[in-house]
Amino acid sequence: MTAPAGEWRLIREEARPGPIQMALDEVAAETASDGGPATVRTYRWDPTCLTLGYGQDPETVDWDACERAGVDVTRRRTGGGGIVHDSYGDVAYSIAVPAGDVPGDLLDAYHLLCEPILDAFARLGIDADYVEEAVPELYHPACYLRELHPAHDVVAAGRKVAGNAQYRTRDAVIQHGSLTFSVDAEAHLDAFADPPVDPETFRERVVGIDELADVDRAEAVAAVEESLASWVEAGIEAEAEREGRPGDGRSDGAGSLDRDGSWTDAELERARDLVAERYRDDDWVRSRPGDR
């Protein structure tokens, strides 16, 4: 499988608070739905942010501990458990694409959209792949400690190194995920209320890129960005060849990729509105969907 052809942009890593990062993922999906470019991007969490899964019980959060540590808390549109994303240890990406351009089957869609993530690990010299079979959960509220699933959990050296999640709107698919660059088990567990797992056990489940390869964080981010861009360009070139048009995968009749893409002013304004309406709204973040 290759990336769908069409108009794309790569938005390189930007450091922003978690609520606006989640809003921008939603905005990217809206843009793809409305005929604008599809988006691949990397991003950085600043400050550290705990993202709750869409249906997660807010009582699983140690709200006081998060406040003391200066940890933002927001809620994702995707399911699963909570994840603590710190500015150094987490490398985040997302892909927003029209729904009609990707497989309707969830597993097939995951395997298509995870292709550049697996390629990024290969570029870093890391042997990473989907977990071969389910691994039992250790603590349900924490995403990294839930059951490892062959559809979307990526492991290296027997430990989880990346997780991916999707949601769909009527006209778009958004996939986002985190590659662990460095593990801070204590900070992760501190965000939860009475987790029955100690930091040593957490580190037995989760591994960082910095333990697997002699690279710094900037090199890891660059590998993800280049993999995303190359994946898109390969899809455009493949479509051009099918249609009998020569192309370099960057700009021809089958589509194009802007490797230095950016948000429009309207998109940033829309994201700020979504932050106020949803991603920083206590009624939305601190309650389960059925209670809203």
Protein backbone atom coordinates (compact mmCIF):
# COMPACT_ATOMS: atom_id res chain seq x y z
CA MET A 1 0.00 0.00 0.00
CA THR A 2 1.10 3.57 -0.63
CA ALA A 3 -0.18 6.96 0.45
CA PRO A 4 -3.19 8.22 -1.50
CA ALA A 5 -2.35 10.74 -4.19
CA GLY A 6 -3.62 14.31 -4.06
CA GLU A 7 -2.65 17.60 -2.53
CA TRP A 8 -0.67 17.30 0.72
CA ARG A 9 1.30 19.45 3.12
CA LEU A 10 3.94 18.56 5.69
CA ILE A 11 3.84 20.73 8.81
CA ARG A 12 7.08 20.33 10.69
CA GLU A 13 7.32 20.08 14.46
CA GLU A 14 5.78 22.95 16.39
CA ALA A 15 5.71 23.20 20.19
CA ARG A 16 2.26 24.13 21.48
CA PRO A 17 0.06 23.27 24.48
CA GLY A 18 -1.81 19.97 24.28
CA PRO A 19 -5.32 21.43 23.94
CA ILE A 20 -4.40 23.34 20.79
CA GLN A 21 -2.49 20.37 19.37
CA MET A 22 -5.64 18.27 19.68
CA ALA A 23 -7.69 21.08 18.16
CA LEU A 24 -5.26 21.34 15.22
CA ASP A 25 -5.66 17.62 14.52
CA GLU A 26 -9.39 18.21 14.29
CA VAL A 27 -8.88 21.27 12.09
CA ALA A 28 -6.63 19.29 9.75
CA ALA A 29 -9.43 16.76 9.35
CA GLU A 30 -11.91 19.55 8.57
CA THR A 31 -9.54 20.99 5.96
CA ALA A 32 -9.16 17.60 4.28
CA SER A 33 -12.95 17.17 4.35
CA ASP A 34 -13.48 20.57 2.72
CA GLY A 35 -11.23 19.91 -0.26
CA GLY A 36 -8.07 21.45 1.17
CA PRO A 37 -4.78 19.61 1.42
CA ALA A 38 -4.37 16.45 3.41
CA THR A 39 -1.89 16.92 6.25
CA VAL A 40 1.04 15.02 7.68
CA ARG A 41 2.74 16.65 10.63
CA THR A 42 4.92 16.22 13.69
CA TYR A 43 4.34 18.13 16.88
CA ARG A 44 5.66 18.72 20.37
CA TRP A 45 3.83 19.10 23.66
CA ASP A 46 4.70 22.23 25.64
CA PRO A 47 4.04 22.03 28.55
CA THR A 48 3.78 18.35 29.42
CA CYS A 49 0.22 17.19 28.81
CA LEU A 50 -1.91 14.26 29.93
CA THR A 51 -4.38 13.36 27.20
CA LEU A 52 -7.36 11.29 28.29
CA GLY A 53 -8.98 8.80 25.98
CA TYR A 54 -12.38 9.90 24.73
CA GLY A 55 -14.33 7.71 27.13
CA GLN A 56 -11.89 7.64 30.04
CA ASP A 57 -13.15 8.10 33.61
CA PRO A 58 -11.79 11.42 34.95
CA GLU A 59 -11.59 9.90 38.43
CA THR A 60 -8.56 7.93 37.25
CA VAL A 61 -6.59 11.21 37.11
CA ASP A 62 -4.67 12.68 40.06
CA TRP A 63 -5.75 16.23 39.28
CA ASP A 64 -3.85 17.76 42.21
CA ALA A 65 -0.62 16.05 41.22
CA CYS A 66 -1.00 17.27 37.64
CA GLU A 67 -1.58 20.83 38.85
CA ARG A 68 1.46 20.72 41.15
CA ALA A 69 3.65 19.41 38.35
CA GLY A 70 2.34 21.91 35.78
CA VAL A 71 0.88 19.15 33.62
CA ASP A 72 -1.90 20.18 31.24
CA VAL A 73 -4.86 17.82 30.96
CA THR A 74 -7.07 17.52 27.90
CA ARG A 75 -9.14 14.83 26.23
CA ARG A 76 -8.54 13.25 22.84
CA ARG A 77 -11.17 12.41 20.25
CA THR A 78 -9.63 8.93 20.05
CA GLY A 79 -10.24 6.17 22.55
CA GLY A 80 -7.91 4.31 24.86
CA GLY A 81 -6.32 5.31 28.13
CA GLY A 82 -4.40 8.34 29.30
CA ILE A 83 -0.95 9.25 28.00
CA VAL A 84 1.52 11.68 29.54
CA HIS A 85 3.32 13.49 26.73
CA ASP A 86 6.38 15.42 27.81
CA SER A 87 8.21 17.90 25.64
CA TYR A 88 11.41 15.86 25.46
CA GLY A 89 10.33 12.24 25.70
CA ASP A 90 7.41 12.24 23.26
CA VAL A 91 7.52 12.65 19.46
CA ALA A 92 3.98 13.09 18.14
CA TYR A 93 2.65 12.87 14.59
CA SER A 94 -0.70 12.99 12.87
CA ILE A 95 -2.14 12.28 9.44
CA ALA A 96 -5.43 13.80 8.26
CA VAL A 97 -6.81 12.56 4.96
CA PRO A 98 -10.17 12.37 3.15
CA ALA A 99 -12.06 9.26 4.25
CA GLY A 100 -12.62 8.12 0.69
CA ASP A 101 -8.87 7.91 0.10
CA VAL A 102 -8.14 5.24 2.73
CA PRO A 103 -9.51 1.74 3.29
CA GLY A 104 -12.82 1.49 5.08
CA ASP A 105 -11.59 -1.51 7.09
CA LEU A 106 -10.01 -0.28 10.34
CA LEU A 107 -7.09 -2.71 10.32
CA ASP A 108 -6.25 -1.94 6.70
CA ALA A 109 -6.39 1.78 7.42
CA TYR A 110 -4.05 1.39 10.38
CA HIS A 111 -1.58 -0.59 8.33
CA LEU A 112 -1.62 2.00 5.56
CA LEU A 113 -1.21 5.03 7.82
CA CYS A 114 1.41 3.36 10.04
CA GLU A 115 3.70 2.63 7.07
CA PRO A 116 5.71 5.86 7.50
CA ILE A 117 6.02 5.28 11.25
CA LEU A 118 7.57 1.85 10.78
CA ASP A 119 9.81 3.36 8.11
CA ALA A 120 10.96 6.06 10.55
CA PHE A 121 12.15 3.40 12.97
CA ALA A 122 13.98 1.65 10.15
CA ARG A 123 15.71 4.92 9.26
CA LEU A 124 16.86 5.15 12.88
CA GLY A 125 18.24 1.62 12.74
CA ILE A 126 15.57 0.24 15.08
CA ASP A 127 13.91 -3.11 14.45
CA ALA A 128 10.29 -2.22 15.28
CA ASP A 129 7.03 -3.81 14.19
CA TYR A 130 3.49 -4.46 15.35
CA VAL A 131 3.30 -6.67 18.40
CA GLU A 132 2.76 -10.20 17.10
CA GLU A 133 0.06 -11.17 19.59
CA ALA A 134 -1.94 -9.47 22.31
CA VAL A 135 -0.12 -8.81 25.60
CA PRO A 136 -2.30 -8.63 28.74
CA GLU A 137 -2.99 -5.24 30.29
CA LEU A 138 -1.32 -4.07 33.50
CA TYR A 139 -3.46 -1.00 34.27
CA HIS A 140 -6.48 -0.09 32.16
CA PRO A 141 -6.55 3.73 32.64
CA ALA A 142 -2.99 4.16 31.24
CA CYS A 143 -2.72 3.67 27.50
CA TYR A 144 0.85 2.34 27.60
CA LEU A 145 -0.16 -0.27 30.18
CA ARG A 146 -3.29 -1.52 28.44
CA GLU A 147 -3.37 -4.69 26.40
CA LEU A 148 -0.94 -4.44 23.50
CA HIS A 149 -2.87 -4.95 20.27
CA PRO A 150 -1.38 -6.22 16.98
CA ALA A 151 -3.41 -3.69 14.99
CA HIS A 152 -1.73 -0.52 16.22
CA ASP A 153 0.84 -1.09 18.99
CA VAL A 154 4.46 -1.02 17.82
CA VAL A 155 7.16 -2.76 19.83
CA ALA A 156 10.95 -2.95 19.75
CA ALA A 157 13.11 -5.23 21.85
CA GLY A 158 9.86 -6.67 23.21
CA ARG A 159 8.58 -3.38 24.64
CA LYS A 160 6.13 -0.77 23.39
CA VAL A 161 7.81 2.09 21.57
CA ALA A 162 4.85 3.68 19.75
CA GLY A 163 1.08 3.76 19.87
CA ASN A 164 -1.38 4.93 17.24
CA ALA A 165 -5.09 5.77 17.27
CA GLN A 166 -7.73 6.81 14.73
CA TYR A 167 -11.07 8.45 14.57
CA ARG A 168 -13.31 9.14 11.62
CA THR A 169 -15.67 11.91 10.74
CA ARG A 170 -18.14 11.60 7.90
CA ASP A 171 -15.55 12.79 5.37
CA ALA A 172 -12.11 12.42 6.94
CA VAL A 173 -9.83 10.10 8.87
CA ILE A 174 -7.41 11.39 11.47
CA GLN A 175 -4.66 9.17 12.84
CA HIS A 176 -2.33 10.40 15.52
CA GLY A 177 0.25 8.72 17.65
CA SER A 178 3.27 8.98 19.87
CA LEU A 179 6.76 7.60 19.44
CA THR A 180 8.54 7.35 22.77
CA PHE A 181 11.93 9.01 22.58
CA SER A 182 12.73 8.77 26.28
CA VAL A 183 10.82 7.06 29.10
CA ASP A 184 9.94 9.04 32.24
CA ALA A 185 8.05 6.36 34.13
CA GLU A 186 7.71 8.33 37.36
CA ALA A 187 6.14 11.37 35.69
CA HIS A 188 3.75 9.17 33.75
CA LEU A 189 2.51 7.25 36.76
CA ASP A 190 2.28 10.35 38.96
CA ALA A 191 -0.53 11.69 36.78
CA PHE A 192 -2.82 8.79 37.67
CA ALA A 193 -4.75 8.14 40.87
CA ASP A 194 -3.22 5.17 42.73
CA PRO A 195 -1.86 3.14 39.82
CA PRO A 196 -1.02 -0.44 40.91
CA VAL A 197 2.23 -0.38 38.91
CA ASP A 198 5.68 0.85 39.93
CA PRO A 199 8.16 2.69 37.65
CA GLU A 200 10.29 -0.43 37.16
CA THR A 201 7.29 -2.36 35.85
CA PHE A 202 6.40 0.56 33.58
CA ARG A 203 9.90 0.52 32.09
CA GLU A 204 9.61 -3.21 31.50
CA ARG A 205 6.60 -2.48 29.25
CA VAL A 206 7.76 0.73 27.50
CA VAL A 207 11.08 1.51 25.80
CA GLY A 208 12.48 4.77 24.40
CA ILE A 209 14.29 5.41 21.12
CA ASP A 210 17.22 6.72 23.16
CA GLU A 211 17.70 3.21 24.58
CA LEU A 212 17.68 1.61 21.14
CA ALA A 213 19.69 3.96 18.91
CA ASP A 214 22.50 6.48 19.29
CA VAL A 215 20.49 9.48 18.09
CA ASP A 216 19.32 12.71 19.65
CA ARG A 217 15.73 13.88 19.70
CA ALA A 218 16.15 16.22 16.71
CA GLU A 219 17.38 13.30 14.60
CA ALA A 220 14.39 11.22 15.65
CA VAL A 221 11.98 13.99 14.67
CA ALA A 222 13.77 14.49 11.34
CA ALA A 223 13.44 10.76 10.60
CA VAL A 224 9.68 10.87 11.23
CA GLU A 225 9.26 13.97 9.06
CA GLU A 226 11.28 12.51 6.20
CA SER A 227 9.37 9.23 6.40
CA LEU A 228 6.04 11.03 6.26
CA ALA A 229 7.17 13.14 3.29
CA SER A 230 8.67 10.20 1.40
CA TRP A 231 5.53 8.12 1.97
CA VAL A 232 3.36 10.85 0.47
CA GLU A 233 5.71 11.44 -2.46
CA ALA A 234 5.86 7.71 -3.24
CA GLY A 235 2.06 7.61 -3.39
CA ILE A 236 1.90 10.59 -5.73
CA GLU A 237 4.57 9.12 -7.98
CA ALA A 238 2.84 5.74 -8.07
CA GLU A 239 -0.41 7.40 -9.13
CA ALA A 240 1.38 9.41 -11.82
CA GLU A 241 2.89 6.22 -13.21
CA ARG A 242 -0.51 4.51 -13.24
CA GLU A 243 -1.89 7.43 -15.23
CA GLY A 244 1.09 7.46 -17.61
CA ARG A 245 2.43 10.82 -16.41
CA PRO A 246 6.08 11.18 -15.42
CA GLY A 247 6.51 12.73 -12.02
CA ASP A 248 8.98 13.16 -9.20
CA GLY A 249 6.42 12.61 -6.45
CA ARG A 250 6.37 16.29 -5.56
CA SER A 251 4.36 18.25 -8.09
CA ASP A 252 2.48 16.89 -11.09
CA GLY A 253 -1.02 16.09 -12.18
CA ALA A 254 -1.35 13.28 -9.62
CA GLY A 255 -0.90 15.67 -6.73
CA SER A 256 1.81 17.49 -4.82
CA LEU A 257 3.43 17.81 -1.42
CA ASP A 258 4.34 21.12 0.18
CA ARG A 259 7.28 20.10 2.37
CA ASP A 260 7.16 23.45 4.15
CA GLY A 261 3.45 23.60 4.82
CA SER A 262 1.80 25.79 7.43
CA TRP A 263 -1.58 26.56 8.97
CA THR A 264 -3.72 29.31 7.53
CA ASP A 265 -4.91 32.15 9.75
CA ALA A 266 -8.44 30.78 9.48
CA GLU A 267 -7.32 27.33 10.65
CA LEU A 268 -5.53 28.78 13.67
CA GLU A 269 -8.59 30.82 14.57
CA ARG A 270 -10.78 27.73 14.23
CA ALA A 271 -8.38 25.81 16.49
CA ARG A 272 -8.57 28.52 19.16
CA ASP A 273 -12.36 28.30 19.04
CA LEU A 274 -12.21 24.51 19.48
CA VAL A 275 -9.87 24.90 22.45
CA ALA A 276 -12.38 27.16 24.17
CA GLU A 277 -15.38 25.01 23.26
CA ARG A 278 -13.85 21.62 23.97
CA TYR A 279 -10.19 20.98 24.70
CA ARG A 280 -9.86 23.38 27.64
CA ASP A 281 -13.47 23.24 28.74
CA ASP A 282 -13.73 21.55 32.15
CA ASP A 283 -17.19 20.18 31.40
CA TRP A 284 -15.78 18.37 28.37
CA VAL A 285 -12.38 17.33 29.75
CA ARG A 286 -13.49 16.30 33.25
CA SER A 287 -16.59 14.32 32.38
CA ARG A 288 -17.25 11.13 30.47
CA PRO A 289 -19.06 11.44 27.12
CA GLY A 290 -22.32 10.01 28.48
CA ASP A 291 -22.35 12.58 31.29
CA ARG A 292 -22.00 15.63 29.08
